Amino acid sequence: MDMKIVAIAAGVFFALVAGFLGFVIWYGSSDVPASAPGAAQTPASGQSTSALEQQVLQGYEVQFWGDGRPFVRYYDPGAGEHATQSIEQALFWQAQYAGGDFSETDFGTTPANPAGVEAAYRLGLVYEHGLFHTRVDKGEAMRNYRIAKMGGHPQAAAAEKRLQAAGVK
């Protein structure tokens, strides 16, 4: 009698797990397929992507998941392989290489990594304008613009001045 109850409980458990996995697979299959590198894509919800969001996504393989936030695929030199993360996380990790070998502040002894410098500038855009449903954080935008400016980004100095004129320190 006890084995019969255990068998029924195990059957119910496996049925629930199978149902949950089926739902997850069905829900995940409704995503928009990844676009070619360099092309921005409209989220599955049909909302248009702003020009600034398109600028931030330029050059990445993009896929919109769940609530319409973009996930991008990029090469992570620290791991030595490609990674897929939200655009904010990808830019944050890429900006860490702005100063060269694994340092965001060592601009004097190693050449700036152009991809890291560009990522720092783009992350500043994300925080300044609240792109991709990210909270607006002018201080974090200023920090990233300064990193990009120290690395020689051509638009970072103007962005820094724009925030200083708005009273951001």
N, C-alpha and C. Protein backbone atom coordinates (compact mmCIF):
# COMPACT_ATOMS: atom_id res chain seq x y z
N MET A 1 0.82 -1.19 0.00
CA MET A 1 0.00 0.00 0.00
C MET A 1 0.86 1.26 0.00
N ASP A 2 1.93 1.28 0.80
CA ASP A 2 2.80 2.46 0.87
C ASP A 2 3.52 2.69 -0.45
N MET A 3 3.93 1.64 -1.14
CA MET A 3 4.62 1.78 -2.43
C MET A 3 3.67 2.33 -3.49
N LYS A 4 2.40 2.01 -3.36
CA LYS A 4 1.40 2.50 -4.31
C LYS A 4 1.26 4.02 -4.18
N ILE A 5 1.27 4.54 -2.99
CA ILE A 5 1.17 5.99 -2.74
C ILE A 5 2.43 6.70 -3.24
N VAL A 6 3.58 6.11 -2.98
CA VAL A 6 4.84 6.68 -3.45
C VAL A 6 4.86 6.73 -4.97
N ALA A 7 4.40 5.67 -5.62
CA ALA A 7 4.37 5.63 -7.09
C ALA A 7 3.42 6.68 -7.65
N ILE A 8 2.26 6.86 -7.03
CA ILE A 8 1.30 7.87 -7.49
C ILE A 8 1.89 9.27 -7.29
N ALA A 9 2.50 9.52 -6.13
CA ALA A 9 3.11 10.83 -5.87
C ALA A 9 4.23 11.12 -6.86
N ALA A 10 5.05 10.12 -7.17
CA ALA A 10 6.13 10.31 -8.14
C ALA A 10 5.56 10.60 -9.52
N GLY A 11 4.50 9.91 -9.89
CA GLY A 11 3.86 10.15 -11.19
C GLY A 11 3.31 11.57 -11.30
N VAL A 12 2.64 12.03 -10.25
CA VAL A 12 2.11 13.40 -10.23
C VAL A 12 3.25 14.41 -10.31
N PHE A 13 4.31 14.17 -9.58
CA PHE A 13 5.46 15.07 -9.60
C PHE A 13 6.05 15.18 -11.00
N PHE A 14 6.28 14.03 -11.65
CA PHE A 14 6.86 14.05 -12.99
C PHE A 14 5.91 14.67 -14.02
N ALA A 15 4.62 14.50 -13.84
CA ALA A 15 3.65 15.13 -14.74
C ALA A 15 3.69 16.65 -14.59
N LEU A 16 3.79 17.13 -13.36
CA LEU A 16 3.88 18.58 -13.14
C LEU A 16 5.17 19.15 -13.73
N VAL A 17 6.30 18.46 -13.52
CA VAL A 17 7.57 18.92 -14.07
C VAL A 17 7.52 18.95 -15.59
N ALA A 18 6.97 17.90 -16.21
CA ALA A 18 6.85 17.85 -17.66
C ALA A 18 5.96 18.98 -18.17
N GLY A 19 4.86 19.26 -17.47
CA GLY A 19 3.98 20.37 -17.86
C GLY A 19 4.68 21.71 -17.77
N PHE A 20 5.43 21.91 -16.70
CA PHE A 20 6.17 23.17 -16.54
C PHE A 20 7.21 23.34 -17.64
N LEU A 21 7.97 22.27 -17.92
CA LEU A 21 8.98 22.36 -18.97
C LEU A 21 8.34 22.60 -20.34
N GLY A 22 7.21 21.97 -20.58
CA GLY A 22 6.49 22.21 -21.83
C GLY A 22 6.08 23.66 -21.98
N PHE A 23 5.58 24.25 -20.88
CA PHE A 23 5.20 25.66 -20.91
C PHE A 23 6.41 26.55 -21.19
N VAL A 24 7.52 26.29 -20.52
CA VAL A 24 8.74 27.08 -20.70
C VAL A 24 9.21 27.00 -22.15
N ILE A 25 9.21 25.81 -22.72
CA ILE A 25 9.64 25.65 -24.11
C ILE A 25 8.68 26.36 -25.05
N TRP A 26 7.38 26.22 -24.82
CA TRP A 26 6.40 26.89 -25.68
C TRP A 26 6.54 28.41 -25.58
N TYR A 27 6.67 28.95 -24.35
CA TYR A 27 6.78 30.38 -24.16
C TYR A 27 8.06 30.92 -24.78
N GLY A 28 9.16 30.20 -24.63
CA GLY A 28 10.44 30.64 -25.18
C GLY A 28 10.51 30.56 -26.68
N SER A 29 9.69 29.72 -27.31
CA SER A 29 9.74 29.57 -28.77
C SER A 29 9.07 30.72 -29.49
N SER A 30 8.39 31.62 -28.78
CA SER A 30 7.72 32.73 -29.43
C SER A 30 8.64 33.94 -29.61
N ASP A 31 9.93 33.80 -29.28
CA ASP A 31 10.88 34.90 -29.42
C ASP A 31 11.16 35.21 -30.88
N VAL A 32 11.58 36.43 -31.11
CA VAL A 32 12.01 36.85 -32.43
C VAL A 32 13.39 36.27 -32.69
N PRO A 33 13.67 35.71 -33.86
CA PRO A 33 14.99 35.16 -34.12
C PRO A 33 16.06 36.23 -34.14
N ALA A 34 17.30 35.83 -33.86
CA ALA A 34 18.42 36.77 -33.82
C ALA A 34 18.64 37.37 -35.20
N SER A 35 19.03 38.63 -35.22
CA SER A 35 19.30 39.30 -36.48
C SER A 35 20.77 39.15 -36.83
N ALA A 36 21.10 39.57 -38.01
CA ALA A 36 22.49 39.55 -38.44
C ALA A 36 23.28 40.59 -37.66
N PRO A 37 24.58 40.39 -37.47
CA PRO A 37 25.38 41.37 -36.75
C PRO A 37 25.27 42.74 -37.42
N GLY A 38 25.12 43.77 -36.59
CA GLY A 38 25.08 45.13 -37.10
C GLY A 38 23.69 45.64 -37.38
N ALA A 39 22.68 44.79 -37.29
CA ALA A 39 21.32 45.22 -37.59
C ALA A 39 20.50 45.22 -36.33
N ALA A 40 19.81 46.32 -36.05
CA ALA A 40 18.91 46.36 -34.92
C ALA A 40 17.59 45.74 -35.34
N GLN A 41 16.83 45.28 -34.37
CA GLN A 41 15.61 44.54 -34.64
C GLN A 41 14.49 45.09 -33.79
N THR A 42 13.28 45.08 -34.28
CA THR A 42 12.15 45.54 -33.52
C THR A 42 11.70 44.45 -32.57
N PRO A 43 11.42 44.78 -31.31
CA PRO A 43 10.96 43.75 -30.38
C PRO A 43 9.68 43.09 -30.87
N ALA A 44 9.42 41.87 -30.36
CA ALA A 44 8.25 41.10 -30.78
C ALA A 44 6.95 41.85 -30.48
N SER A 45 6.95 42.75 -29.51
CA SER A 45 5.75 43.49 -29.15
C SER A 45 5.34 44.48 -30.22
N GLY A 46 6.21 44.73 -31.20
CA GLY A 46 5.89 45.65 -32.28
C GLY A 46 6.27 47.09 -31.99
N GLN A 47 6.78 47.39 -30.81
CA GLN A 47 7.16 48.76 -30.50
C GLN A 47 8.40 49.14 -31.30
N SER A 48 8.49 50.39 -31.67
CA SER A 48 9.65 50.82 -32.46
C SER A 48 10.84 51.08 -31.53
N THR A 49 12.03 50.88 -32.07
CA THR A 49 13.26 51.11 -31.32
C THR A 49 13.75 52.50 -31.66
N SER A 50 14.11 53.28 -30.65
CA SER A 50 14.56 54.64 -30.88
C SER A 50 15.92 54.66 -31.58
N ALA A 51 16.26 55.80 -32.12
CA ALA A 51 17.55 55.95 -32.80
C ALA A 51 18.72 55.71 -31.85
N LEU A 52 18.59 56.15 -30.60
CA LEU A 52 19.67 55.92 -29.63
C LEU A 52 19.80 54.44 -29.31
N GLU A 53 18.67 53.75 -29.17
CA GLU A 53 18.73 52.31 -28.91
C GLU A 53 19.37 51.58 -30.09
N GLN A 54 19.05 52.00 -31.31
CA GLN A 54 19.66 51.40 -32.49
C GLN A 54 21.17 51.65 -32.50
N GLN A 55 21.58 52.85 -32.08
CA GLN A 55 23.02 53.16 -32.02
C GLN A 55 23.72 52.26 -31.00
N VAL A 56 23.08 52.03 -29.86
CA VAL A 56 23.68 51.19 -28.82
C VAL A 56 23.78 49.74 -29.28
N LEU A 57 22.79 49.26 -30.01
CA LEU A 57 22.76 47.86 -30.45
C LEU A 57 23.59 47.59 -31.70
N GLN A 58 24.04 48.63 -32.36
CA GLN A 58 24.77 48.46 -33.61
C GLN A 58 25.99 47.57 -33.44
N GLY A 59 26.12 46.58 -34.32
CA GLY A 59 27.28 45.70 -34.30
C GLY A 59 27.10 44.43 -33.49
N TYR A 60 25.97 44.27 -32.82
CA TYR A 60 25.73 43.08 -32.01
C TYR A 60 24.72 42.15 -32.70
N GLU A 61 24.83 40.87 -32.40
CA GLU A 61 23.74 39.94 -32.71
C GLU A 61 22.71 40.16 -31.62
N VAL A 62 21.48 40.50 -31.99
CA VAL A 62 20.47 40.91 -31.01
C VAL A 62 19.28 39.95 -31.04
N GLN A 63 18.77 39.64 -29.85
CA GLN A 63 17.53 38.90 -29.73
C GLN A 63 16.75 39.51 -28.58
N PHE A 64 15.45 39.71 -28.78
CA PHE A 64 14.60 40.27 -27.74
C PHE A 64 13.89 39.11 -27.04
N TRP A 65 14.04 39.05 -25.71
CA TRP A 65 13.46 37.96 -24.93
C TRP A 65 12.48 38.52 -23.92
N GLY A 66 11.50 37.74 -23.58
CA GLY A 66 10.60 38.05 -22.48
C GLY A 66 9.91 39.39 -22.60
N ASP A 67 10.32 40.36 -21.80
CA ASP A 67 9.65 41.65 -21.74
C ASP A 67 10.13 42.63 -22.80
N GLY A 68 10.85 42.17 -23.79
CA GLY A 68 11.28 43.04 -24.88
C GLY A 68 12.67 43.62 -24.71
N ARG A 69 13.36 43.26 -23.63
CA ARG A 69 14.73 43.75 -23.46
C ARG A 69 15.67 42.98 -24.37
N PRO A 70 16.63 43.68 -24.97
CA PRO A 70 17.53 42.99 -25.88
C PRO A 70 18.65 42.24 -25.16
N PHE A 71 18.94 41.08 -25.67
CA PHE A 71 20.10 40.31 -25.26
C PHE A 71 21.03 40.26 -26.45
N VAL A 72 22.33 40.38 -26.20
CA VAL A 72 23.30 40.44 -27.29
C VAL A 72 24.35 39.36 -27.11
N ARG A 73 24.93 38.97 -28.22
CA ARG A 73 26.04 38.00 -28.22
C ARG A 73 27.29 38.77 -28.59
N TYR A 74 28.35 38.57 -27.82
CA TYR A 74 29.61 39.28 -28.06
C TYR A 74 30.76 38.41 -27.60
N TYR A 75 31.97 38.74 -28.02
CA TYR A 75 33.16 38.01 -27.61
C TYR A 75 33.67 38.58 -26.30
N ASP A 76 33.83 37.75 -25.29
CA ASP A 76 34.34 38.16 -23.99
C ASP A 76 35.81 37.75 -23.90
N PRO A 77 36.74 38.71 -23.99
CA PRO A 77 38.16 38.36 -23.96
C PRO A 77 38.62 37.76 -22.63
N GLY A 78 37.96 38.08 -21.53
CA GLY A 78 38.33 37.51 -20.24
C GLY A 78 38.05 36.02 -20.18
N ALA A 79 36.91 35.61 -20.74
CA ALA A 79 36.54 34.20 -20.75
C ALA A 79 37.12 33.47 -21.96
N GLY A 80 37.49 34.23 -22.99
CA GLY A 80 38.03 33.63 -24.20
C GLY A 80 36.98 32.95 -25.05
N GLU A 81 35.72 33.37 -24.90
CA GLU A 81 34.63 32.77 -25.69
C GLU A 81 33.50 33.78 -25.84
N HIS A 82 32.52 33.43 -26.65
CA HIS A 82 31.36 34.30 -26.84
C HIS A 82 30.41 34.16 -25.65
N ALA A 83 29.71 35.24 -25.35
CA ALA A 83 28.74 35.25 -24.26
C ALA A 83 27.46 35.90 -24.75
N THR A 84 26.34 35.56 -24.13
CA THR A 84 25.06 36.18 -24.42
C THR A 84 24.52 36.75 -23.12
N GLN A 85 24.30 38.06 -23.10
CA GLN A 85 23.82 38.74 -21.90
C GLN A 85 22.89 39.87 -22.30
N SER A 86 22.22 40.45 -21.30
CA SER A 86 21.43 41.65 -21.58
C SER A 86 22.38 42.74 -22.05
N ILE A 87 21.87 43.70 -22.79
CA ILE A 87 22.73 44.75 -23.35
C ILE A 87 23.44 45.50 -22.23
N GLU A 88 22.77 45.75 -21.10
CA GLU A 88 23.41 46.49 -20.01
C GLU A 88 24.58 45.70 -19.44
N GLN A 89 24.39 44.40 -19.21
CA GLN A 89 25.47 43.57 -18.67
C GLN A 89 26.63 43.46 -19.66
N ALA A 90 26.30 43.27 -20.94
CA ALA A 90 27.34 43.14 -21.96
C ALA A 90 28.18 44.41 -22.03
N LEU A 91 27.53 45.58 -22.04
CA LEU A 91 28.28 46.84 -22.10
C LEU A 91 29.11 47.04 -20.84
N PHE A 92 28.55 46.69 -19.68
CA PHE A 92 29.28 46.83 -18.43
C PHE A 92 30.57 46.02 -18.48
N TRP A 93 30.48 44.75 -18.88
CA TRP A 93 31.67 43.90 -18.89
C TRP A 93 32.64 44.32 -19.96
N GLN A 94 32.15 44.75 -21.12
CA GLN A 94 33.07 45.20 -22.17
C GLN A 94 33.76 46.49 -21.77
N ALA A 95 33.08 47.37 -21.06
CA ALA A 95 33.68 48.63 -20.63
C ALA A 95 34.83 48.41 -19.66
N GLN A 96 34.86 47.26 -19.00
CA GLN A 96 35.95 46.96 -18.07
C GLN A 96 37.30 46.86 -18.79
N TYR A 97 37.25 46.63 -20.09
CA TYR A 97 38.48 46.51 -20.88
C TYR A 97 38.87 47.83 -21.55
N ALA A 98 38.22 48.92 -21.19
CA ALA A 98 38.48 50.21 -21.83
C ALA A 98 39.92 50.65 -21.67
N GLY A 99 40.54 50.33 -20.54
CA GLY A 99 41.90 50.77 -20.28
C GLY A 99 42.97 49.83 -20.75
N GLY A 100 42.63 48.80 -21.45
CA GLY A 100 43.63 47.84 -21.90
C GLY A 100 43.48 46.54 -21.16
N ASP A 101 44.57 45.98 -20.69
CA ASP A 101 44.56 44.66 -20.08
C ASP A 101 43.83 44.65 -18.74
N PHE A 102 42.54 44.32 -18.75
CA PHE A 102 41.72 44.07 -17.57
C PHE A 102 41.72 45.20 -16.56
N SER A 103 41.77 46.44 -17.01
CA SER A 103 41.75 47.56 -16.09
C SER A 103 41.00 48.71 -16.73
N GLU A 104 40.10 49.33 -15.97
CA GLU A 104 39.38 50.47 -16.52
C GLU A 104 40.06 51.80 -16.19
N THR A 105 41.13 51.78 -15.41
CA THR A 105 41.77 53.03 -15.01
C THR A 105 43.22 53.14 -15.42
N ASP A 106 43.78 52.13 -16.05
CA ASP A 106 45.20 52.11 -16.37
C ASP A 106 45.46 52.65 -17.77
N PHE A 107 45.07 53.91 -18.01
CA PHE A 107 45.21 54.49 -19.34
C PHE A 107 46.62 54.96 -19.64
N GLY A 108 47.46 55.07 -18.62
CA GLY A 108 48.80 55.59 -18.84
C GLY A 108 49.80 54.57 -19.35
N THR A 109 49.63 53.29 -19.02
CA THR A 109 50.65 52.31 -19.36
C THR A 109 50.25 51.33 -20.44
N THR A 110 48.95 51.17 -20.70
CA THR A 110 48.50 50.27 -21.76
C THR A 110 47.58 51.02 -22.70
N PRO A 111 47.59 50.67 -23.98
CA PRO A 111 46.70 51.37 -24.91
C PRO A 111 45.24 51.04 -24.61
N ALA A 112 44.38 52.00 -24.85
CA ALA A 112 42.96 51.80 -24.63
C ALA A 112 42.42 50.80 -25.64
N ASN A 113 41.52 49.96 -25.18
CA ASN A 113 40.86 48.99 -26.04
C ASN A 113 39.67 49.69 -26.70
N PRO A 114 39.66 49.85 -28.02
CA PRO A 114 38.58 50.59 -28.68
C PRO A 114 37.19 50.01 -28.41
N ALA A 115 37.08 48.68 -28.33
CA ALA A 115 35.77 48.08 -28.06
C ALA A 115 35.31 48.43 -26.64
N GLY A 116 36.22 48.45 -25.68
CA GLY A 116 35.87 48.80 -24.32
C GLY A 116 35.50 50.27 -24.18
N VAL A 117 36.21 51.12 -24.90
CA VAL A 117 35.92 52.56 -24.88
C VAL A 117 34.54 52.81 -25.47
N GLU A 118 34.22 52.16 -26.59
CA GLU A 118 32.91 52.31 -27.22
C GLU A 118 31.81 51.77 -26.30
N ALA A 119 32.08 50.66 -25.62
CA ALA A 119 31.09 50.10 -24.70
C ALA A 119 30.82 51.04 -23.54
N ALA A 120 31.86 51.70 -23.02
CA ALA A 120 31.67 52.66 -21.93
C ALA A 120 30.80 53.83 -22.40
N TYR A 121 31.03 54.32 -23.61
CA TYR A 121 30.22 55.42 -24.14
C TYR A 121 28.76 54.97 -24.31
N ARG A 122 28.56 53.80 -24.87
CA ARG A 122 27.20 53.30 -25.09
C ARG A 122 26.48 53.05 -23.76
N LEU A 123 27.20 52.57 -22.76
CA LEU A 123 26.59 52.38 -21.45
C LEU A 123 26.20 53.72 -20.85
N GLY A 124 27.00 54.75 -21.09
CA GLY A 124 26.61 56.11 -20.67
C GLY A 124 25.31 56.54 -21.32
N LEU A 125 25.13 56.24 -22.60
CA LEU A 125 23.87 56.56 -23.29
C LEU A 125 22.70 55.83 -22.64
N VAL A 126 22.90 54.56 -22.32
CA VAL A 126 21.83 53.76 -21.71
C VAL A 126 21.39 54.39 -20.40
N TYR A 127 22.35 54.76 -19.55
CA TYR A 127 22.00 55.34 -18.24
C TYR A 127 21.49 56.77 -18.35
N GLU A 128 22.04 57.56 -19.26
CA GLU A 128 21.59 58.95 -19.37
C GLU A 128 20.15 59.05 -19.84
N HIS A 129 19.78 58.22 -20.78
CA HIS A 129 18.45 58.33 -21.40
C HIS A 129 17.47 57.25 -20.94
N GLY A 130 17.90 56.33 -20.08
CA GLY A 130 17.00 55.27 -19.62
C GLY A 130 16.58 54.33 -20.74
N LEU A 131 17.53 54.01 -21.62
CA LEU A 131 17.21 53.15 -22.76
C LEU A 131 16.93 51.73 -22.29
N PHE A 132 16.13 51.01 -23.04
CA PHE A 132 15.81 49.61 -22.79
C PHE A 132 15.18 49.41 -21.42
N HIS A 133 14.39 50.36 -20.97
CA HIS A 133 13.68 50.31 -19.68
C HIS A 133 14.65 50.29 -18.50
N THR A 134 15.85 50.81 -18.69
CA THR A 134 16.82 50.91 -17.60
C THR A 134 16.52 52.20 -16.84
N ARG A 135 16.74 52.18 -15.53
CA ARG A 135 16.51 53.40 -14.74
C ARG A 135 17.51 54.48 -15.18
N VAL A 136 17.07 55.71 -15.19
CA VAL A 136 17.96 56.83 -15.51
C VAL A 136 18.87 57.06 -14.32
N ASP A 137 20.17 57.12 -14.59
CA ASP A 137 21.17 57.35 -13.55
C ASP A 137 22.26 58.23 -14.15
N LYS A 138 22.08 59.55 -13.99
CA LYS A 138 23.00 60.51 -14.61
C LYS A 138 24.42 60.39 -14.06
N GLY A 139 24.55 60.05 -12.78
CA GLY A 139 25.88 59.88 -12.20
C GLY A 139 26.63 58.72 -12.84
N GLU A 140 25.93 57.61 -13.05
CA GLU A 140 26.55 56.45 -13.69
C GLU A 140 26.85 56.75 -15.16
N ALA A 141 25.97 57.53 -15.80
CA ALA A 141 26.23 57.95 -17.18
C ALA A 141 27.51 58.80 -17.24
N MET A 142 27.66 59.73 -16.30
CA MET A 142 28.84 60.59 -16.26
C MET A 142 30.10 59.76 -16.06
N ARG A 143 30.05 58.78 -15.16
CA ARG A 143 31.21 57.91 -14.91
C ARG A 143 31.64 57.20 -16.19
N ASN A 144 30.67 56.66 -16.92
CA ASN A 144 31.00 55.93 -18.14
C ASN A 144 31.48 56.88 -19.25
N TYR A 145 30.90 58.05 -19.33
CA TYR A 145 31.38 59.03 -20.32
C TYR A 145 32.83 59.43 -20.02
N ARG A 146 33.16 59.58 -18.74
CA ARG A 146 34.55 59.94 -18.38
C ARG A 146 35.53 58.83 -18.75
N ILE A 147 35.13 57.58 -18.52
CA ILE A 147 35.99 56.46 -18.93
C ILE A 147 36.19 56.49 -20.44
N ALA A 148 35.10 56.69 -21.18
CA ALA A 148 35.19 56.74 -22.64
C ALA A 148 36.04 57.92 -23.11
N LYS A 149 35.91 59.06 -22.43
CA LYS A 149 36.70 60.24 -22.80
C LYS A 149 38.18 59.99 -22.57
N MET A 150 38.52 59.37 -21.44
CA MET A 150 39.93 59.07 -21.17
C MET A 150 40.50 58.10 -22.20
N GLY A 151 39.65 57.24 -22.76
CA GLY A 151 40.08 56.30 -23.79
C GLY A 151 40.10 56.90 -25.18
N GLY A 152 39.65 58.16 -25.31
CA GLY A 152 39.72 58.84 -26.59
C GLY A 152 38.46 58.76 -27.44
N HIS A 153 37.31 58.47 -26.85
CA HIS A 153 36.07 58.42 -27.64
C HIS A 153 35.73 59.82 -28.12
N PRO A 154 35.43 59.98 -29.42
CA PRO A 154 35.23 61.32 -29.98
C PRO A 154 33.98 62.05 -29.48
N GLN A 155 32.94 61.34 -29.02
CA GLN A 155 31.70 62.00 -28.58
C GLN A 155 31.57 62.07 -27.06
N ALA A 156 32.46 61.44 -26.34
CA ALA A 156 32.33 61.36 -24.89
C ALA A 156 32.52 62.71 -24.20
N ALA A 157 33.43 63.53 -24.69
CA ALA A 157 33.67 64.84 -24.06
C ALA A 157 32.42 65.72 -24.17
N ALA A 158 31.76 65.70 -25.32
CA ALA A 158 30.54 66.50 -25.49
C ALA A 158 29.43 65.98 -24.58
N ALA A 159 29.34 64.66 -24.43
CA ALA A 159 28.33 64.08 -23.54
C ALA A 159 28.60 64.47 -22.09
N GLU A 160 29.88 64.45 -21.70
CA GLU A 160 30.24 64.85 -20.34
C GLU A 160 29.88 66.32 -20.10
N LYS A 161 30.18 67.18 -21.06
CA LYS A 161 29.84 68.61 -20.92
C LYS A 161 28.33 68.81 -20.83
N ARG A 162 27.57 68.03 -21.60
CA ARG A 162 26.11 68.13 -21.58
C ARG A 162 25.60 67.79 -20.18
N LEU A 163 26.13 66.77 -19.54
CA LEU A 163 25.68 66.40 -18.20
C LEU A 163 26.16 67.42 -17.15
N GLN A 164 27.37 67.94 -17.34
CA GLN A 164 27.85 68.97 -16.41
C GLN A 164 26.98 70.21 -16.47
N ALA A 165 26.53 70.58 -17.68
CA ALA A 165 25.66 71.74 -17.83
C ALA A 165 24.31 71.49 -17.15
N ALA A 166 23.93 70.23 -17.02
CA ALA A 166 22.67 69.88 -16.35
C ALA A 166 22.86 69.74 -14.84
N GLY A 167 24.09 69.99 -14.34
CA GLY A 167 24.36 69.95 -12.91
C GLY A 167 24.82 68.62 -12.36
N VAL A 168 25.17 67.68 -13.24
CA VAL A 168 25.65 66.38 -12.78
C VAL A 168 27.14 66.48 -12.51
N LYS A 169 27.58 65.92 -11.41
CA LYS A 169 29.00 65.98 -11.06
C LYS A 169 29.66 64.65 -11.21
